[in-house]
C-alpha atoms as a PDB file:
ATOM      1  CA  MET A   1     -44.678  25.049  -1.293  1.00  0.00           C
ATOM      2  CA  SER A   2     -43.869  27.946  -3.063  1.00  0.00           C
ATOM      3  CA  VAL A   3     -43.882  31.593  -1.833  1.00  0.00           C
ATOM      4  CA  ALA A   4     -47.236  32.216  -3.489  1.00  0.00           C
ATOM      5  CA  ALA A   5     -48.930  30.628  -1.407  1.00  0.00           C
ATOM      6  CA  ILE A   6     -48.113  32.310   1.259  1.00  0.00           C
ATOM      7  CA  LEU A   7     -48.893  35.648  -0.087  1.00  0.00           C
ATOM      8  CA  ASP A   8     -53.085  33.791  -1.186  1.00  0.00           C
ATOM      9  CA  ILE A   9     -52.766  33.430   2.924  1.00  0.00           C
ATOM     10  CA  LYS A  10     -51.845  37.000   3.851  1.00  0.00           C
ATOM     11  CA  GLY A  11     -52.436  39.503   0.880  1.00  0.00           C
ATOM     12  CA  ARG A  12     -50.503  41.511  -0.990  1.00  0.00           C
ATOM     13  CA  ASN A  13     -50.680  45.080   0.069  1.00  0.00           C
ATOM     14  CA  ILE A  14     -47.287  46.667  -0.988  1.00  0.00           C
ATOM     15  CA  PHE A  15     -47.054  49.884   0.803  1.00  0.00           C
ATOM     16  CA  THR A  16     -44.572  52.190  -2.052  1.00  0.00           C
ATOM     17  CA  ILE A  17     -43.105  54.968  -1.148  1.00  0.00           C
ATOM     18  CA  ARG A  18     -40.810  57.512  -3.267  1.00  0.00           C
ATOM     19  CA  PRO A  19     -36.852  57.956  -3.325  1.00  0.00           C
ATOM     20  CA  ASP A  20     -37.280  61.724  -2.466  1.00  0.00           C
ATOM     21  CA  HIS A  21     -39.954  61.838   0.292  1.00  0.00           C
ATOM     22  CA  SER A  22     -38.806  62.075   3.871  1.00  0.00           C
ATOM     23  CA  ILE A  23     -37.525  59.420   6.511  1.00  0.00           C
ATOM     24  CA  ALA A  24     -40.073  61.367   8.802  1.00  0.00           C
ATOM     25  CA  ASP A  25     -42.631  60.942   6.238  1.00  0.00           C
ATOM     26  CA  ALA A  26     -41.923  56.706   5.801  1.00  0.00           C
ATOM     27  CA  ALA A  27     -41.640  56.493   9.393  1.00  0.00           C
ATOM     28  CA  GLY A  28     -45.573  58.304   9.316  1.00  0.00           C
ATOM     29  CA  LEU A  29     -46.330  55.121   6.481  1.00  0.00           C
ATOM     30  CA  LEU A  30     -45.212  52.727   8.418  1.00  0.00           C
ATOM     31  CA  THR A  31     -46.531  53.552  11.668  1.00  0.00           C
ATOM     32  CA  SER A  32     -50.097  53.946  10.215  1.00  0.00           C
ATOM     33  CA  LYS A  33     -49.830  50.837   7.760  1.00  0.00           C
ATOM     34  CA  LYS A  34     -48.676  48.827  10.733  1.00  0.00           C
ATOM     35  CA  VAL A  35     -45.851  47.391   8.619  1.00  0.00           C
ATOM     36  CA  GLY A  36     -41.952  46.959   9.026  1.00  0.00           C
ATOM     37  CA  VAL A  37     -40.988  47.903   5.089  1.00  0.00           C
ATOM     38  CA  ALA A  38     -42.062  50.222   2.475  1.00  0.00           C
ATOM     39  CA  VAL A  39     -40.887  49.872  -0.894  1.00  0.00           C
ATOM     40  CA  VAL A  40     -39.444  51.763  -2.387  1.00  0.00           C
ATOM     41  CA  CYS A  41     -40.476  53.544  -5.957  1.00  0.00           C
ATOM     42  CA  ASP A  42     -39.736  56.036  -8.890  1.00  0.00           C
ATOM     43  CA  THR A  43     -42.221  57.350 -10.805  1.00  0.00           C
ATOM     44  CA  SER A  44     -42.490  54.705 -13.073  1.00  0.00           C
ATOM     45  CA  GLY A  45     -43.355  51.751 -10.745  1.00  0.00           C
ATOM     46  CA  ALA A  46     -40.006  50.416 -11.245  1.00  0.00           C
ATOM     47  CA  LEU A  47     -38.395  49.062  -7.303  1.00  0.00           C
ATOM     48  CA  LEU A  48     -35.798  51.649  -6.347  1.00  0.00           C
ATOM     49  CA  GLY A  49     -35.207  49.882  -2.792  1.00  0.00           C
ATOM     50  CA  VAL A  50     -36.855  49.021   0.169  1.00  0.00           C
ATOM     51  CA  LEU A  51     -36.679  50.929   3.984  1.00  0.00           C
ATOM     52  CA  SER A  52     -37.242  49.308   6.687  1.00  0.00           C
ATOM     53  CA  GLU A  53     -37.250  50.216  10.279  1.00  0.00           C
ATOM     54  CA  ARG A  54     -33.884  48.571  10.595  1.00  0.00           C
ATOM     55  CA  ASP A  55     -32.394  51.496   7.899  1.00  0.00           C
ATOM     56  CA  ILE A  56     -34.302  54.233   9.414  1.00  0.00           C
ATOM     57  CA  VAL A  57     -32.409  53.018  12.910  1.00  0.00           C
ATOM     58  CA  HIS A  58     -28.701  52.919  11.020  1.00  0.00           C
ATOM     59  CA  GLY A  59     -29.772  56.533   9.456  1.00  0.00           C
ATOM     60  CA  ILE A  60     -30.073  58.385  12.738  1.00  0.00           C
ATOM     61  CA  SER A  61     -27.766  56.545  14.116  1.00  0.00           C
ATOM     62  CA  GLN A  62     -25.087  57.552  11.787  1.00  0.00           C
ATOM     63  CA  PHE A  63     -26.442  60.880  10.540  1.00  0.00           C
ATOM     64  CA  GLY A  64     -28.426  61.887  13.716  1.00  0.00           C
ATOM     65  CA  LYS A  65     -31.197  64.078  14.216  1.00  0.00           C
ATOM     66  CA  ALA A  66     -30.971  65.230  10.202  1.00  0.00           C
ATOM     67  CA  ALA A  67     -32.081  61.211   9.016  1.00  0.00           C
ATOM     68  CA  ILE A  68     -34.921  62.105   9.727  1.00  0.00           C
ATOM     69  CA  ASP A  69     -35.350  65.753   7.196  1.00  0.00           C
ATOM     70  CA  MET A  70     -33.086  63.649   4.644  1.00  0.00           C
ATOM     71  CA  PRO A  71     -34.542  61.777   1.417  1.00  0.00           C
ATOM     72  CA  VAL A  72     -35.246  57.592   1.735  1.00  0.00           C
ATOM     73  CA  ARG A  73     -32.785  57.442  -1.048  1.00  0.00           C
ATOM     74  CA  ASN A  74     -30.475  58.106   1.462  1.00  0.00           C
ATOM     75  CA  ILE A  75     -30.431  55.526   3.357  1.00  0.00           C
ATOM     76  CA  MET A  76     -32.590  52.944   1.445  1.00  0.00           C
ATOM     77  CA  SER A  77     -31.513  49.491   1.066  1.00  0.00           C
ATOM     78  CA  SER A  78     -30.447  48.934  -2.614  1.00  0.00           C
ATOM     79  CA  PRO A  79     -29.990  46.579  -4.200  1.00  0.00           C
ATOM     80  CA  VAL A  80     -32.801  45.431  -3.444  1.00  0.00           C
ATOM     81  CA  VAL A  81     -33.023  40.812  -3.052  1.00  0.00           C
ATOM     82  CA  THR A  82     -36.144  39.769  -4.545  1.00  0.00           C
ATOM     83  CA  CYS A  83     -37.679  36.573  -4.824  1.00  0.00           C
ATOM     84  CA  SER A  84     -40.515  34.844  -7.576  1.00  0.00           C
ATOM     85  CA  PRO A  85     -43.755  33.773  -6.350  1.00  0.00           C
ATOM     86  CA  THR A  86     -42.291  30.538  -7.063  1.00  0.00           C
ATOM     87  CA  ASP A  87     -39.674  30.060  -5.017  1.00  0.00           C
ATOM     88  CA  SER A  88     -40.056  27.604  -1.912  1.00  0.00           C
ATOM     89  CA  VAL A  89     -40.141  28.655   1.108  1.00  0.00           C
ATOM     90  CA  LYS A  90     -37.866  27.035   2.579  1.00  0.00           C
ATOM     91  CA  GLY A  91     -34.945  28.610  -0.199  1.00  0.00           C
ATOM     92  CA  VAL A  92     -36.602  31.946   0.777  1.00  0.00           C
ATOM     93  CA  LEU A  93     -35.814  31.148   4.434  1.00  0.00           C
ATOM     94  CA  LEU A  94     -32.845  30.619   3.517  1.00  0.00           C
ATOM     95  CA  VAL A  95     -32.512  33.476   1.764  1.00  0.00           C
ATOM     96  CA  MET A  96     -33.024  35.472   4.474  1.00  0.00           C
ATOM     97  CA  THR A  97     -30.917  34.020   6.884  1.00  0.00           C
ATOM     98  CA  GLU A  98     -27.751  34.331   4.914  1.00  0.00           C
ATOM     99  CA  ARG A  99     -28.582  38.080   3.998  1.00  0.00           C
ATOM    100  CA  ARG A 100     -29.629  38.771   7.398  1.00  0.00           C
ATOM    101  CA  ILE A 101     -32.857  40.114   5.786  1.00  0.00           C
ATOM    102  CA  ARG A 102     -36.323  40.297   6.927  1.00  0.00           C
ATOM    103  CA  HIS A 103     -38.491  40.970   3.605  1.00  0.00           C
ATOM    104  CA  LEU A 104     -38.119  39.941   0.496  1.00  0.00           C
ATOM    105  CA  PRO A 105     -40.877  41.969  -2.519  1.00  0.00           C
ATOM    106  CA  VAL A 106     -41.798  39.235  -4.789  1.00  0.00           C
ATOM    107  CA  VAL A 107     -41.543  40.171  -8.172  1.00  0.00           C
ATOM    108  CA  ALA A 108     -42.949  38.308 -11.369  1.00  0.00           C
ATOM    109  CA  ASP A 109     -42.326  39.653 -15.164  1.00  0.00           C
ATOM    110  CA  GLY A 110     -41.020  42.492 -13.409  1.00  0.00           C
ATOM    111  CA  GLN A 111     -44.227  43.247 -11.507  1.00  0.00           C
ATOM    112  CA  LEU A 112     -44.274  44.157  -7.620  1.00  0.00           C
ATOM    113  CA  LEU A 113     -46.608  41.485  -6.785  1.00  0.00           C
ATOM    114  CA  GLY A 114     -46.392  41.629  -2.431  1.00  0.00           C
ATOM    115  CA  ILE A 115     -43.996  41.307  -0.222  1.00  0.00           C
ATOM    116  CA  VAL A 116     -43.119  38.655   2.430  1.00  0.00           C
ATOM    117  CA  SER A 117     -41.127  38.756   4.990  1.00  0.00           C
ATOM    118  CA  ILE A 118     -39.761  36.389   7.552  1.00  0.00           C
ATOM    119  CA  GLY A 119     -42.910  35.723  10.186  1.00  0.00           C
ATOM    120  CA  ASP A 120     -44.830  35.134   7.094  1.00  0.00           C
ATOM    121  CA  ALA A 121     -42.732  32.572   6.198  1.00  0.00           C
ATOM    122  CA  VAL A 122     -42.012  31.067   9.684  1.00  0.00           C
ATOM    123  CA  SER A 123     -45.635  30.941  10.314  1.00  0.00           C
ATOM    124  CA  TYR A 124     -46.239  29.458   7.007  1.00  0.00           C
ATOM    125  CA  ARG A 125     -43.916  26.602   7.689  1.00  0.00           C
ATOM    126  CA  LEU A 126     -44.723  25.959  11.248  1.00  0.00           C
ATOM    127  CA  ARG A 127     -48.398  25.450   9.707  1.00  0.00           C
ATOM    128  CA  GLU A 128     -46.807  22.841   7.146  1.00  0.00           C
ATOM    129  CA  THR A 129     -45.452  20.949   9.212  1.00  0.00           C
ATOM    130  CA  GLN A 130     -48.367  20.670  11.565  1.00  0.00           C
ATOM    131  CA  LEU A 131     -50.356  19.788   9.209  1.00  0.00           C
ATOM    132  CA  GLU A 132     -47.318  17.098   8.643  1.00  0.00           C
ATOM    133  CA  VAL A 133     -46.914  16.205  12.020  1.00  0.00           C
ATOM    134  CA  GLY A 134     -50.728  15.910  12.450  1.00  0.00           C
ATOM    135  CA  VAL A 135     -51.067  13.289   8.751  1.00  0.00           C
ATOM    136  CA  LEU A 136     -47.973  11.383  10.186  1.00  0.00           C
ATOM    137  CA  ARG A 137     -49.777  10.518  13.688  1.00  0.00           C
ATOM    138  CA  ASP A 138     -53.123  10.021  11.861  1.00  0.00           C
ATOM    139  CA  PHE A 139     -51.159   7.239   9.755  1.00  0.00           C
ATOM    140  CA  ALA A 140     -49.468   5.292  13.126  1.00  0.00           C
ATOM    141  CA  VAL A 141     -52.999   4.803  14.290  1.00  0.00           C
ATOM    142  CA  ILE A 142     -54.440   3.158  11.232  1.00  0.00           C
ATOM    143  CA  ARG A 143     -50.850   0.782  11.478  1.00  0.00           C
END
């Protein structure tokens, strides 16, 4: 199955922030939207980076209290690893595991379509596996 199937289930909500906004602004956005990552875009909508809760923790660890007032660009993750809506869920899980990242922006033809988390991908694979098990059980009962 493909990443597009995950987006069809979870939706395509994307929360963005500008690179010149403060880390405090970003933390407020993540908290109010109850998400773990914001996509960093310039004024034209170009993807510049991602800012996750993990990035904020690393920033505070590195810069102390001063990190709160720093611009997002100082601690965002960049360059951004992305995926395509046609990528397989298994492939996306592999990339996330190998790169030790939890969120992948979904991009097609230069357009940001959504974001997929490792939780989304694992949940989708679990549902897919449960369906396969059910089919195999039904097949075994018929025989």
